[in-house]
Amino acid sequence: MSNNVFKTNPQLVALISDLKAKTRENNAAIWRDIALRLEAPSRVWAEANLSKIEKYAKDGETIIVPGKVLAAGELSKNVNVAAYSFSAKAAAAIVAAGGKAMTIKELMDANPTGSKVRIMG
């Protein structure tokens, strides 16, 4: 029995279902990994500050955070970041640095195989 039966947010339940379907369609294990992380209680979801992204991401890389991106720190690299949610300041800082802040669904639709995507968190 999967954990998402306890989730009450219909958008989250749909996202988890879409991630698992994309895993089956494209044999892309990354989407199953993200789905399992999002099935966990939200209190244990990943949180990544801009400073962590700055420290560990390479310029031009695509990062996925199965949780929330927060605005603490500075970001100078051109990094595309997908996450379940962003603080407004974090999303603005990512765009200002030349990157793109997107939802997990947007990244999954743009890159169905999940190639060259790194999980952070």
C-alpha atoms as a PDB file:
ATOM      1  CA  MET A   1       0.000   0.000   0.000  1.00  0.00           C
ATOM      2  CA  SER A   2       1.508   3.319  -1.036  1.00  0.00           C
ATOM      3  CA  ASN A   3       1.781   6.268   1.303  1.00  0.00           C
ATOM      4  CA  ASN A   4       0.019   8.677  -1.044  1.00  0.00           C
ATOM      5  CA  VAL A   5      -3.417   7.445   0.119  1.00  0.00           C
ATOM      6  CA  PHE A   6      -2.823   9.626   3.179  1.00  0.00           C
ATOM      7  CA  LYS A   7      -2.038  12.702   1.089  1.00  0.00           C
ATOM      8  CA  THR A   8      -4.921  15.188   0.954  1.00  0.00           C
ATOM      9  CA  ASN A   9      -3.516  17.591  -1.652  1.00  0.00           C
ATOM     10  CA  PRO A  10      -4.994  16.439  -4.984  1.00  0.00           C
ATOM     11  CA  GLN A  11      -2.220  18.147  -6.997  1.00  0.00           C
ATOM     12  CA  LEU A  12       0.430  16.262  -4.997  1.00  0.00           C
ATOM     13  CA  VAL A  13      -1.384  12.939  -5.404  1.00  0.00           C
ATOM     14  CA  ALA A  14      -1.647  13.579  -9.170  1.00  0.00           C
ATOM     15  CA  LEU A  15       2.053  14.516  -9.378  1.00  0.00           C
ATOM     16  CA  ILE A  16       3.105  11.324  -7.586  1.00  0.00           C
ATOM     17  CA  SER A  17       0.911   9.281  -9.928  1.00  0.00           C
ATOM     18  CA  ASP A  18       2.344  11.093 -12.996  1.00  0.00           C
ATOM     19  CA  LEU A  19       5.912  10.507 -11.776  1.00  0.00           C
ATOM     20  CA  LYS A  20       5.295   6.770 -11.396  1.00  0.00           C
ATOM     21  CA  ALA A  21       3.641   6.601 -14.820  1.00  0.00           C
ATOM     22  CA  LYS A  22       6.593   8.406 -16.423  1.00  0.00           C
ATOM     23  CA  THR A  23       8.926   5.895 -14.741  1.00  0.00           C
ATOM     24  CA  ARG A  24       7.065   3.009 -16.376  1.00  0.00           C
ATOM     25  CA  GLU A  25       6.838   4.713 -19.788  1.00  0.00           C
ATOM     26  CA  ASN A  26      10.502   5.689 -20.055  1.00  0.00           C
ATOM     27  CA  ASN A  27      12.226   3.269 -17.678  1.00  0.00           C
ATOM     28  CA  ALA A  28      13.546   6.354 -15.858  1.00  0.00           C
ATOM     29  CA  ALA A  29      14.279   5.471 -12.235  1.00  0.00           C
ATOM     30  CA  ILE A  30      14.804   9.122 -11.251  1.00  0.00           C
ATOM     31  CA  TRP A  31      11.048   9.816 -11.409  1.00  0.00           C
ATOM     32  CA  ARG A  32      10.252   6.865  -9.121  1.00  0.00           C
ATOM     33  CA  ASP A  33      12.862   8.109  -6.677  1.00  0.00           C
ATOM     34  CA  ILE A  34      11.247  11.564  -6.632  1.00  0.00           C
ATOM     35  CA  ALA A  35       7.754  10.027  -6.254  1.00  0.00           C
ATOM     36  CA  LEU A  36       8.858   7.978  -3.249  1.00  0.00           C
ATOM     37  CA  ARG A  37      10.436  11.036  -1.625  1.00  0.00           C
ATOM     38  CA  LEU A  38       7.235  13.044  -2.133  1.00  0.00           C
ATOM     39  CA  GLU A  39       5.158  10.224  -0.637  1.00  0.00           C
ATOM     40  CA  ALA A  40       7.018  10.672   2.643  1.00  0.00           C
ATOM     41  CA  PRO A  41       5.608  13.108   5.203  1.00  0.00           C
ATOM     42  CA  SER A  42       6.231  16.695   4.110  1.00  0.00           C
ATOM     43  CA  ARG A  43       8.111  17.404   7.352  1.00  0.00           C
ATOM     44  CA  VAL A  44      10.966  15.209   6.069  1.00  0.00           C
ATOM     45  CA  TRP A  45      11.037  16.603   2.522  1.00  0.00           C
ATOM     46  CA  ALA A  46      14.257  18.116   1.267  1.00  0.00           C
ATOM     47  CA  GLU A  47      14.917  21.811   1.671  1.00  0.00           C
ATOM     48  CA  ALA A  48      17.711  23.444  -0.264  1.00  0.00           C
ATOM     49  CA  ASN A  49      18.954  26.977   0.228  1.00  0.00           C
ATOM     50  CA  LEU A  50      20.453  28.979  -2.617  1.00  0.00           C
ATOM     51  CA  SER A  51      23.810  28.692  -0.843  1.00  0.00           C
ATOM     52  CA  LYS A  52      23.646  24.872  -1.071  1.00  0.00           C
ATOM     53  CA  ILE A  53      22.776  25.051  -4.776  1.00  0.00           C
ATOM     54  CA  GLU A  54      25.646  27.515  -5.301  1.00  0.00           C
ATOM     55  CA  LYS A  55      28.065  25.214  -3.489  1.00  0.00           C
ATOM     56  CA  TYR A  56      27.171  21.875  -5.092  1.00  0.00           C
ATOM     57  CA  ALA A  57      25.694  22.608  -8.537  1.00  0.00           C
ATOM     58  CA  LYS A  58      27.765  23.141 -11.650  1.00  0.00           C
ATOM     59  CA  ASP A  59      27.102  26.031 -14.006  1.00  0.00           C
ATOM     60  CA  GLY A  60      24.443  25.064 -16.567  1.00  0.00           C
ATOM     61  CA  GLU A  61      23.315  22.009 -14.598  1.00  0.00           C
ATOM     62  CA  THR A  62      19.719  20.950 -13.948  1.00  0.00           C
ATOM     63  CA  ILE A  63      18.893  20.224 -10.303  1.00  0.00           C
ATOM     64  CA  ILE A  64      15.736  18.741  -8.806  1.00  0.00           C
ATOM     65  CA  VAL A  65      14.754  19.330  -5.184  1.00  0.00           C
ATOM     66  CA  PRO A  66      11.988  17.003  -3.970  1.00  0.00           C
ATOM     67  CA  GLY A  67      10.751  19.633  -1.538  1.00  0.00           C
ATOM     68  CA  LYS A  68      11.249  23.371  -1.208  1.00  0.00           C
ATOM     69  CA  VAL A  69      13.938  25.802  -2.349  1.00  0.00           C
ATOM     70  CA  LEU A  70      14.612  28.615   0.104  1.00  0.00           C
ATOM     71  CA  ALA A  71      16.289  31.973  -0.464  1.00  0.00           C
ATOM     72  CA  ALA A  72      19.092  31.882   2.120  1.00  0.00           C
ATOM     73  CA  GLY A  73      22.396  32.633   0.441  1.00  0.00           C
ATOM     74  CA  GLU A  74      23.475  33.924  -2.943  1.00  0.00           C
ATOM     75  CA  LEU A  75      23.371  32.281  -6.348  1.00  0.00           C
ATOM     76  CA  SER A  76      25.713  33.344  -9.137  1.00  0.00           C
ATOM     77  CA  LYS A  77      25.545  30.234 -11.357  1.00  0.00           C
ATOM     78  CA  ASN A  78      23.224  29.659 -14.294  1.00  0.00           C
ATOM     79  CA  VAL A  79      21.356  26.648 -12.851  1.00  0.00           C
ATOM     80  CA  ASN A  80      17.949  25.270 -13.787  1.00  0.00           C
ATOM     81  CA  VAL A  81      16.102  24.187 -10.655  1.00  0.00           C
ATOM     82  CA  ALA A  82      12.946  22.103 -10.417  1.00  0.00           C
ATOM     83  CA  ALA A  83      11.224  21.724  -7.059  1.00  0.00           C
ATOM     84  CA  TYR A  84       7.857  21.043  -5.510  1.00  0.00           C
ATOM     85  CA  SER A  85       7.822  24.639  -4.254  1.00  0.00           C
ATOM     86  CA  PHE A  86       9.971  27.760  -4.078  1.00  0.00           C
ATOM     87  CA  SER A  87      10.015  30.771  -1.826  1.00  0.00           C
ATOM     88  CA  ALA A  88       9.319  33.850  -3.954  1.00  0.00           C
ATOM     89  CA  LYS A  89      12.801  35.262  -3.309  1.00  0.00           C
ATOM     90  CA  ALA A  90      14.483  31.968  -4.233  1.00  0.00           C
ATOM     91  CA  ALA A  91      12.655  31.729  -7.563  1.00  0.00           C
ATOM     92  CA  ALA A  92      13.514  35.353  -8.358  1.00  0.00           C
ATOM     93  CA  ALA A  93      17.190  34.787  -7.483  1.00  0.00           C
ATOM     94  CA  ILE A  94      17.417  31.713  -9.727  1.00  0.00           C
ATOM     95  CA  VAL A  95      15.961  33.650 -12.663  1.00  0.00           C
ATOM     96  CA  ALA A  96      18.181  36.672 -11.922  1.00  0.00           C
ATOM     97  CA  ALA A  97      21.259  34.408 -12.060  1.00  0.00           C
ATOM     98  CA  GLY A  98      20.224  33.261 -15.554  1.00  0.00           C
ATOM     99  CA  GLY A  99      18.623  29.967 -14.615  1.00  0.00           C
ATOM    100  CA  LYS A 100      15.079  28.724 -14.655  1.00  0.00           C
ATOM    101  CA  ALA A 101      12.844  27.885 -11.685  1.00  0.00           C
ATOM    102  CA  MET A 102      10.283  25.248 -12.652  1.00  0.00           C
ATOM    103  CA  THR A 103       7.950  22.711 -11.136  1.00  0.00           C
ATOM    104  CA  ILE A 104       8.812  19.029 -11.034  1.00  0.00           C
ATOM    105  CA  LYS A 105       5.998  18.388 -13.534  1.00  0.00           C
ATOM    106  CA  GLU A 106       7.450  20.938 -15.987  1.00  0.00           C
ATOM    107  CA  LEU A 107      10.860  19.256 -15.802  1.00  0.00           C
ATOM    108  CA  MET A 108       9.338  15.787 -16.152  1.00  0.00           C
ATOM    109  CA  ASP A 109       7.408  16.873 -19.259  1.00  0.00           C
ATOM    110  CA  ALA A 110      10.469  18.592 -20.773  1.00  0.00           C
ATOM    111  CA  ASN A 111      12.862  15.721 -19.944  1.00  0.00           C
ATOM    112  CA  PRO A 112      10.854  12.457 -19.754  1.00  0.00           C
ATOM    113  CA  THR A 113      13.940  10.269 -19.402  1.00  0.00           C
ATOM    114  CA  GLY A 114      15.375  12.368 -16.583  1.00  0.00           C
ATOM    115  CA  SER A 115      18.801  12.418 -18.214  1.00  0.00           C
ATOM    116  CA  LYS A 116      21.403  14.850 -16.899  1.00  0.00           C
ATOM    117  CA  VAL A 117      19.266  15.787 -13.891  1.00  0.00           C
ATOM    118  CA  ARG A 118      20.764  15.669 -10.404  1.00  0.00           C
ATOM    119  CA  ILE A 119      18.737  15.229  -7.222  1.00  0.00           C
ATOM    120  CA  MET A 120      19.665  17.592  -4.404  1.00  0.00           C
ATOM    121  CA  GLY A 121      18.319  17.290  -0.911  1.00  0.00           C
END
